[in-house]
């Protein structure tokens, strides 16, 4: 992953962490790195984030605490190149992030893809609380039928306040940037923002080992 790079792994991870942890533009991160004696272009930092995202996300799921079996599932809107896309997210009743997935359409197949991804990474829940979304309802029913499961569906808007509040942090971080031009770039950047958010929630095993540099453990 880090072969043929001009800079060592620890410098790359530090630059990526600055961008994802704080409300900074790529040019701000470029300036911060220059203050530390490291000359790197802002477009290079953007490419680092795009490249590292899949591996970090994959290893993140291996190193986080088990979430609860009662989930709150919801979607929020993200603009990509002037068009609205849908960020599916789920958290457990304690507020821990279960999973996330950026989709192009708000359809049953999109909700079903997210549900399958969340279950594969976290195990099967006993109950999922949703709003009146027909797509989410249909996705859970189809999953139950095809996998002979009995995931309970509960529709209570009040109980979904916790996930709606959690959306705000992600949306605030995105709004502070200049937006996204490409869907794949948005998908990977949001994934890393979610991972940093999970680190702040202390969802990782052995969190003290992650104090110094973002991803040092996740990429081993």
C-alpha atoms as a PDB file:
ATOM      1  CA  UNK A   1       0.000   0.000   0.000  1.00  0.00           C
ATOM      2  CA  UNK A   2       2.792   2.444   0.850  1.00  0.00           C
ATOM      3  CA  UNK A   3       5.354   1.302  -1.696  1.00  0.00           C
ATOM      4  CA  UNK A   4       6.607   3.834  -4.244  1.00  0.00           C
ATOM      5  CA  UNK A   5       5.478   6.783  -2.109  1.00  0.00           C
ATOM      6  CA  UNK A   6       7.831   9.673  -1.600  1.00  0.00           C
ATOM      7  CA  UNK A   7       6.937   9.958   2.085  1.00  0.00           C
ATOM      8  CA  UNK A   8       6.886   7.295   4.812  1.00  0.00           C
ATOM      9  CA  UNK A   9       3.642   5.850   6.138  1.00  0.00           C
ATOM     10  CA  UNK A  10       3.593   7.912   9.323  1.00  0.00           C
ATOM     11  CA  UNK A  11       3.638  11.225   7.408  1.00  0.00           C
ATOM     12  CA  UNK A  12       0.894  10.104   5.013  1.00  0.00           C
ATOM     13  CA  UNK A  13      -1.329   9.012   7.895  1.00  0.00           C
ATOM     14  CA  UNK A  14      -0.751  12.258   9.782  1.00  0.00           C
ATOM     15  CA  UNK A  15      -1.837  14.339   6.779  1.00  0.00           C
ATOM     16  CA  UNK A  16      -4.925  12.162   6.257  1.00  0.00           C
ATOM     17  CA  UNK A  17      -5.828  12.432   9.939  1.00  0.00           C
ATOM     18  CA  UNK A  18      -5.577  16.247   9.890  1.00  0.00           C
ATOM     19  CA  UNK A  19      -8.026  16.419   6.999  1.00  0.00           C
ATOM     20  CA  UNK A  20     -10.571  13.996   8.439  1.00  0.00           C
ATOM     21  CA  UNK A  21     -10.397  14.938  12.107  1.00  0.00           C
ATOM     22  CA  UNK A  22     -10.531  18.729  11.797  1.00  0.00           C
ATOM     23  CA  UNK A  23     -12.498  21.201   9.677  1.00  0.00           C
ATOM     24  CA  UNK A  24      -9.689  21.927   7.251  1.00  0.00           C
ATOM     25  CA  UNK A  25      -9.456  22.244   3.497  1.00  0.00           C
ATOM     26  CA  UNK A  26      -6.842  20.318   1.568  1.00  0.00           C
ATOM     27  CA  UNK A  27      -4.875  23.554   1.186  1.00  0.00           C
ATOM     28  CA  UNK A  28      -5.007  24.074   4.966  1.00  0.00           C
ATOM     29  CA  UNK A  29      -3.518  20.620   5.483  1.00  0.00           C
ATOM     30  CA  UNK A  30      -0.875  21.402   2.863  1.00  0.00           C
ATOM     31  CA  UNK A  31       0.096  24.502   4.864  1.00  0.00           C
ATOM     32  CA  UNK A  32       0.164  22.599   8.167  1.00  0.00           C
ATOM     33  CA  UNK A  33       2.474  20.004   6.687  1.00  0.00           C
ATOM     34  CA  UNK A  34       4.712  22.741   5.263  1.00  0.00           C
ATOM     35  CA  UNK A  35       5.011  24.284   8.756  1.00  0.00           C
ATOM     36  CA  UNK A  36       6.329  20.896   9.844  1.00  0.00           C
ATOM     37  CA  UNK A  37       8.916  20.948   7.065  1.00  0.00           C
ATOM     38  CA  UNK A  38       7.031  18.616   4.707  1.00  0.00           C
ATOM     39  CA  UNK A  39       6.220  19.920   1.246  1.00  0.00           C
ATOM     40  CA  UNK A  40       3.263  18.069  -0.212  1.00  0.00           C
ATOM     41  CA  UNK A  41       0.617  19.285  -2.658  1.00  0.00           C
ATOM     42  CA  UNK A  42      -3.034  19.392  -1.587  1.00  0.00           C
ATOM     43  CA  UNK A  43      -4.046  17.212  -4.548  1.00  0.00           C
ATOM     44  CA  UNK A  44      -1.627  14.535  -3.321  1.00  0.00           C
ATOM     45  CA  UNK A  45      -3.318  14.502   0.083  1.00  0.00           C
ATOM     46  CA  UNK A  46      -6.660  14.031  -1.653  1.00  0.00           C
ATOM     47  CA  UNK A  47      -5.273  11.050  -3.568  1.00  0.00           C
ATOM     48  CA  UNK A  48      -3.935   9.555  -0.332  1.00  0.00           C
ATOM     49  CA  UNK A  49      -7.414   9.620   1.214  1.00  0.00           C
ATOM     50  CA  UNK A  50      -8.944   8.058  -1.897  1.00  0.00           C
ATOM     51  CA  UNK A  51      -6.353   5.288  -1.955  1.00  0.00           C
ATOM     52  CA  UNK A  52      -6.318   4.416   1.760  1.00  0.00           C
ATOM     53  CA  UNK A  53     -10.064   4.352   2.354  1.00  0.00           C
ATOM     54  CA  UNK A  54     -10.899   0.752   1.309  1.00  0.00           C
ATOM     55  CA  UNK A  55      -8.135  -0.825   3.414  1.00  0.00           C
ATOM     56  CA  UNK A  56      -8.817   1.331   6.470  1.00  0.00           C
ATOM     57  CA  UNK A  57     -12.546   0.588   6.301  1.00  0.00           C
ATOM     58  CA  UNK A  58     -11.954  -3.143   5.924  1.00  0.00           C
ATOM     59  CA  UNK A  59      -9.616  -3.310   8.910  1.00  0.00           C
ATOM     60  CA  UNK A  60     -11.793  -1.009  10.990  1.00  0.00           C
ATOM     61  CA  UNK A  61     -14.555  -3.611  11.146  1.00  0.00           C
ATOM     62  CA  UNK A  62     -12.068  -6.171  12.475  1.00  0.00           C
ATOM     63  CA  UNK A  63     -10.988  -3.909  15.324  1.00  0.00           C
ATOM     64  CA  UNK A  64     -14.157  -2.338  16.667  1.00  0.00           C
ATOM     65  CA  UNK A  65     -16.308  -3.383  19.601  1.00  0.00           C
ATOM     66  CA  UNK A  66     -19.395  -5.465  18.955  1.00  0.00           C
ATOM     67  CA  UNK A  67     -22.445  -3.234  18.588  1.00  0.00           C
ATOM     68  CA  UNK A  68     -25.801  -3.898  20.263  1.00  0.00           C
ATOM     69  CA  UNK A  69     -28.608  -5.946  18.747  1.00  0.00           C
ATOM     70  CA  UNK A  70     -31.119  -3.077  18.646  1.00  0.00           C
ATOM     71  CA  UNK A  71     -30.447  -0.746  15.712  1.00  0.00           C
ATOM     72  CA  UNK A  72     -31.778   2.594  14.501  1.00  0.00           C
ATOM     73  CA  UNK A  73     -31.600   2.877  10.696  1.00  0.00           C
ATOM     74  CA  UNK A  74     -32.107   6.060   8.699  1.00  0.00           C
ATOM     75  CA  UNK A  75     -30.938   8.006   5.629  1.00  0.00           C
ATOM     76  CA  UNK A  76     -29.681  11.542   5.157  1.00  0.00           C
ATOM     77  CA  UNK A  77     -28.992  13.594   2.046  1.00  0.00           C
ATOM     78  CA  UNK A  78     -25.553  14.373   0.628  1.00  0.00           C
ATOM     79  CA  UNK A  79     -24.997  16.511  -2.467  1.00  0.00           C
ATOM     80  CA  UNK A  80     -22.544  15.172  -5.058  1.00  0.00           C
ATOM     81  CA  UNK A  81     -21.890  17.300  -8.149  1.00  0.00           C
ATOM     82  CA  UNK A  82     -25.107  19.211  -7.558  1.00  0.00           C
ATOM     83  CA  UNK A  83     -27.276  16.103  -7.182  1.00  0.00           C
ATOM     84  CA  UNK A  84     -28.713  14.621  -3.997  1.00  0.00           C
ATOM     85  CA  UNK A  85     -27.429  11.208  -2.973  1.00  0.00           C
ATOM     86  CA  UNK A  86     -28.443   9.144   0.030  1.00  0.00           C
ATOM     87  CA  UNK A  87     -26.238   8.223   2.955  1.00  0.00           C
ATOM     88  CA  UNK A  88     -27.685   5.197   4.742  1.00  0.00           C
ATOM     89  CA  UNK A  89     -26.562   4.944   8.349  1.00  0.00           C
ATOM     90  CA  UNK A  90     -27.339   2.801  11.376  1.00  0.00           C
ATOM     91  CA  UNK A  91     -26.410   3.098  15.035  1.00  0.00           C
ATOM     92  CA  UNK A  92     -27.307   0.969  18.042  1.00  0.00           C
ATOM     93  CA  UNK A  93     -29.368   2.195  21.000  1.00  0.00           C
ATOM     94  CA  UNK A  94     -26.162   3.297  22.798  1.00  0.00           C
ATOM     95  CA  UNK A  95     -25.219   5.591  19.910  1.00  0.00           C
ATOM     96  CA  UNK A  96     -22.423   3.423  18.494  1.00  0.00           C
ATOM     97  CA  UNK A  97     -22.084   3.495  14.723  1.00  0.00           C
ATOM     98  CA  UNK A  98     -23.123   0.206  13.164  1.00  0.00           C
ATOM     99  CA  UNK A  99     -22.434   0.908   9.481  1.00  0.00           C
ATOM    100  CA  UNK A 100     -22.919   3.365   6.613  1.00  0.00           C
ATOM    101  CA  UNK A 101     -23.288   3.329   2.831  1.00  0.00           C
ATOM    102  CA  UNK A 102     -23.605   6.111   0.259  1.00  0.00           C
ATOM    103  CA  UNK A 103     -26.130   5.214  -2.446  1.00  0.00           C
ATOM    104  CA  UNK A 104     -27.281   6.910  -5.639  1.00  0.00           C
ATOM    105  CA  UNK A 105     -30.994   6.144  -5.259  1.00  0.00           C
ATOM    106  CA  UNK A 106     -33.456   5.773  -2.414  1.00  0.00           C
ATOM    107  CA  UNK A 107     -34.833   2.406  -3.408  1.00  0.00           C
ATOM    108  CA  UNK A 108     -35.391  -0.985  -1.828  1.00  0.00           C
ATOM    109  CA  UNK A 109     -32.301  -2.429  -3.516  1.00  0.00           C
ATOM    110  CA  UNK A 110     -30.146   0.364  -2.059  1.00  0.00           C
ATOM    111  CA  UNK A 111     -31.586  -0.164   1.416  1.00  0.00           C
ATOM    112  CA  UNK A 112     -31.142  -3.905   1.006  1.00  0.00           C
ATOM    113  CA  UNK A 113     -27.472  -3.496  -0.003  1.00  0.00           C
ATOM    114  CA  UNK A 114     -26.873  -1.411   3.095  1.00  0.00           C
ATOM    115  CA  UNK A 115     -28.660  -3.896   5.357  1.00  0.00           C
ATOM    116  CA  UNK A 116     -26.640  -6.825   4.003  1.00  0.00           C
ATOM    117  CA  UNK A 117     -23.383  -4.875   4.417  1.00  0.00           C
ATOM    118  CA  UNK A 118     -24.267  -3.938   8.005  1.00  0.00           C
ATOM    119  CA  UNK A 119     -25.194  -7.516   8.955  1.00  0.00           C
ATOM    120  CA  UNK A 120     -22.087  -9.000   7.324  1.00  0.00           C
ATOM    121  CA  UNK A 121     -19.875  -6.608   9.289  1.00  0.00           C
ATOM    122  CA  UNK A 122     -21.723  -6.633  12.611  1.00  0.00           C
ATOM    123  CA  UNK A 123     -23.916  -9.676  12.894  1.00  0.00           C
ATOM    124  CA  UNK A 124     -27.700  -9.954  12.778  1.00  0.00           C
ATOM    125  CA  UNK A 125     -29.762  -7.624  15.022  1.00  0.00           C
ATOM    126  CA  UNK A 126     -32.912  -8.626  16.853  1.00  0.00           C
ATOM    127  CA  UNK A 127     -34.727  -5.369  16.159  1.00  0.00           C
ATOM    128  CA  UNK A 128     -34.379  -2.440  13.724  1.00  0.00           C
ATOM    129  CA  UNK A 129     -36.152   0.842  14.368  1.00  0.00           C
ATOM    130  CA  UNK A 130     -36.937   2.866  11.238  1.00  0.00           C
ATOM    131  CA  UNK A 131     -39.107   5.785  10.181  1.00  0.00           C
ATOM    132  CA  UNK A 132     -41.940   5.359   7.690  1.00  0.00           C
ATOM    133  CA  UNK A 133     -39.522   4.673   4.834  1.00  0.00           C
ATOM    134  CA  UNK A 134     -41.068   2.113   2.518  1.00  0.00           C
ATOM    135  CA  UNK A 135     -37.635   1.192   1.135  1.00  0.00           C
ATOM    136  CA  UNK A 136     -36.253   0.230   4.551  1.00  0.00           C
ATOM    137  CA  UNK A 137     -39.384  -1.710   5.469  1.00  0.00           C
ATOM    138  CA  UNK A 138     -39.313  -3.660   2.238  1.00  0.00           C
ATOM    139  CA  UNK A 139     -35.570  -4.341   2.532  1.00  0.00           C
ATOM    140  CA  UNK A 140     -35.912  -5.866   6.007  1.00  0.00           C
ATOM    141  CA  UNK A 141     -38.925  -7.964   5.002  1.00  0.00           C
ATOM    142  CA  UNK A 142     -37.116  -9.296   1.936  1.00  0.00           C
ATOM    143  CA  UNK A 143     -34.032 -10.113   4.027  1.00  0.00           C
ATOM    144  CA  UNK A 144     -36.150 -11.937   6.611  1.00  0.00           C
ATOM    145  CA  UNK A 145     -37.866 -13.967   3.907  1.00  0.00           C
ATOM    146  CA  UNK A 146     -34.704 -14.902   2.027  1.00  0.00           C
ATOM    147  CA  UNK A 147     -32.564 -15.726   5.073  1.00  0.00           C
ATOM    148  CA  UNK A 148     -35.369 -17.206   7.210  1.00  0.00           C
ATOM    149  CA  UNK A 149     -34.686 -14.511   9.838  1.00  0.00           C
ATOM    150  CA  UNK A 150     -37.016 -12.856  12.304  1.00  0.00           C
ATOM    151  CA  UNK A 151     -35.640  -9.330  12.598  1.00  0.00           C
ATOM    152  CA  UNK A 152     -38.343  -7.264  14.259  1.00  0.00           C
ATOM    153  CA  UNK A 153     -39.326  -4.026  12.527  1.00  0.00           C
ATOM    154  CA  UNK A 154     -40.359  -1.106  14.731  1.00  0.00           C
ATOM    155  CA  UNK A 155     -41.499   2.247  13.380  1.00  0.00           C
ATOM    156  CA  UNK A 156     -41.133   4.919  16.036  1.00  0.00           C
ATOM    157  CA  UNK A 157     -39.909   8.344  14.932  1.00  0.00           C
ATOM    158  CA  UNK A 158     -39.067   9.377  18.511  1.00  0.00           C
ATOM    159  CA  UNK A 159     -36.602   6.501  18.905  1.00  0.00           C
ATOM    160  CA  UNK A 160     -34.861   7.489  15.662  1.00  0.00           C
ATOM    161  CA  UNK A 161     -33.898  10.900  17.072  1.00  0.00           C
ATOM    162  CA  UNK A 162     -30.583   9.439  18.200  1.00  0.00           C
ATOM    163  CA  UNK A 163     -29.519   8.549  14.663  1.00  0.00           C
ATOM    164  CA  UNK A 164     -30.811  11.860  13.272  1.00  0.00           C
ATOM    165  CA  UNK A 165     -28.664  13.696  15.815  1.00  0.00           C
ATOM    166  CA  UNK A 166     -25.695  11.565  14.793  1.00  0.00           C
ATOM    167  CA  UNK A 167     -26.226  12.559  11.144  1.00  0.00           C
ATOM    168  CA  UNK A 168     -25.453  16.159  12.051  1.00  0.00           C
ATOM    169  CA  UNK A 169     -21.771  15.580  12.731  1.00  0.00           C
ATOM    170  CA  UNK A 170     -21.226  13.900   9.373  1.00  0.00           C
ATOM    171  CA  UNK A 171     -23.205  16.525   7.460  1.00  0.00           C
ATOM    172  CA  UNK A 172     -21.464  19.377   9.291  1.00  0.00           C
ATOM    173  CA  UNK A 173     -18.047  17.993   8.325  1.00  0.00           C
ATOM    174  CA  UNK A 174     -19.121  17.721   4.688  1.00  0.00           C
ATOM    175  CA  UNK A 175     -20.736  21.165   4.547  1.00  0.00           C
ATOM    176  CA  UNK A 176     -17.521  22.744   5.824  1.00  0.00           C
ATOM    177  CA  UNK A 177     -15.706  21.381   2.768  1.00  0.00           C
ATOM    178  CA  UNK A 178     -16.119  22.377  -0.866  1.00  0.00           C
ATOM    179  CA  UNK A 179     -18.414  19.491  -1.701  1.00  0.00           C
ATOM    180  CA  UNK A 180     -17.865  16.444  -3.887  1.00  0.00           C
ATOM    181  CA  UNK A 181     -17.466  16.241  -7.640  1.00  0.00           C
ATOM    182  CA  UNK A 182     -17.466  12.474  -8.007  1.00  0.00           C
ATOM    183  CA  UNK A 183     -19.571   9.768  -6.382  1.00  0.00           C
ATOM    184  CA  UNK A 184     -16.694   7.360  -5.686  1.00  0.00           C
ATOM    185  CA  UNK A 185     -14.611  10.134  -4.135  1.00  0.00           C
ATOM    186  CA  UNK A 186     -17.554  11.111  -1.917  1.00  0.00           C
ATOM    187  CA  UNK A 187     -18.104   7.481  -0.915  1.00  0.00           C
ATOM    188  CA  UNK A 188     -14.494   6.955   0.155  1.00  0.00           C
ATOM    189  CA  UNK A 189     -14.100  10.295   1.933  1.00  0.00           C
ATOM    190  CA  UNK A 190     -17.330   9.817   3.896  1.00  0.00           C
ATOM    191  CA  UNK A 191     -16.179   6.322   4.895  1.00  0.00           C
ATOM    192  CA  UNK A 192     -13.008   7.752   6.447  1.00  0.00           C
ATOM    193  CA  UNK A 193     -14.921  10.561   8.189  1.00  0.00           C
ATOM    194  CA  UNK A 194     -17.198   7.888   9.683  1.00  0.00           C
ATOM    195  CA  UNK A 195     -14.161   5.917  10.875  1.00  0.00           C
ATOM    196  CA  UNK A 196     -12.675   8.948  12.637  1.00  0.00           C
ATOM    197  CA  UNK A 197     -16.114   9.550  14.194  1.00  0.00           C
ATOM    198  CA  UNK A 198     -16.108   5.965  15.516  1.00  0.00           C
ATOM    199  CA  UNK A 199     -12.645   6.513  16.969  1.00  0.00           C
ATOM    200  CA  UNK A 200     -13.984   9.548  18.852  1.00  0.00           C
ATOM    201  CA  UNK A 201     -16.783   7.346  20.220  1.00  0.00           C
ATOM    202  CA  UNK A 202     -14.165   4.885  21.551  1.00  0.00           C
ATOM    203  CA  UNK A 203     -15.550   2.067  19.458  1.00  0.00           C
ATOM    204  CA  UNK A 204     -12.145   0.520  18.758  1.00  0.00           C
ATOM    205  CA  UNK A 205     -10.457  -2.227  20.699  1.00  0.00           C
ATOM    206  CA  UNK A 206      -7.311  -1.039  22.492  1.00  0.00           C
ATOM    207  CA  UNK A 207      -7.986   2.677  21.825  1.00  0.00           C
ATOM    208  CA  UNK A 208      -4.787   3.781  23.623  1.00  0.00           C
ATOM    209  CA  UNK A 209      -2.758   2.251  20.814  1.00  0.00           C
ATOM    210  CA  UNK A 210      -4.383   4.725  18.396  1.00  0.00           C
ATOM    211  CA  UNK A 211      -3.513   7.934  20.256  1.00  0.00           C
ATOM    212  CA  UNK A 212      -0.501   9.014  18.222  1.00  0.00           C
ATOM    213  CA  UNK A 213      -1.411   8.453  14.594  1.00  0.00           C
ATOM    214  CA  UNK A 214      -4.653   7.690  12.819  1.00  0.00           C
ATOM    215  CA  UNK A 215      -4.666   4.349  11.082  1.00  0.00           C
ATOM    216  CA  UNK A 216      -1.270   3.102  12.276  1.00  0.00           C
ATOM    217  CA  UNK A 217      -2.922   0.083  13.855  1.00  0.00           C
ATOM    218  CA  UNK A 218      -5.756  -0.161  11.352  1.00  0.00           C
ATOM    219  CA  UNK A 219      -3.365  -0.645   8.460  1.00  0.00           C
ATOM    220  CA  UNK A 220      -1.188  -3.332  10.066  1.00  0.00           C
END
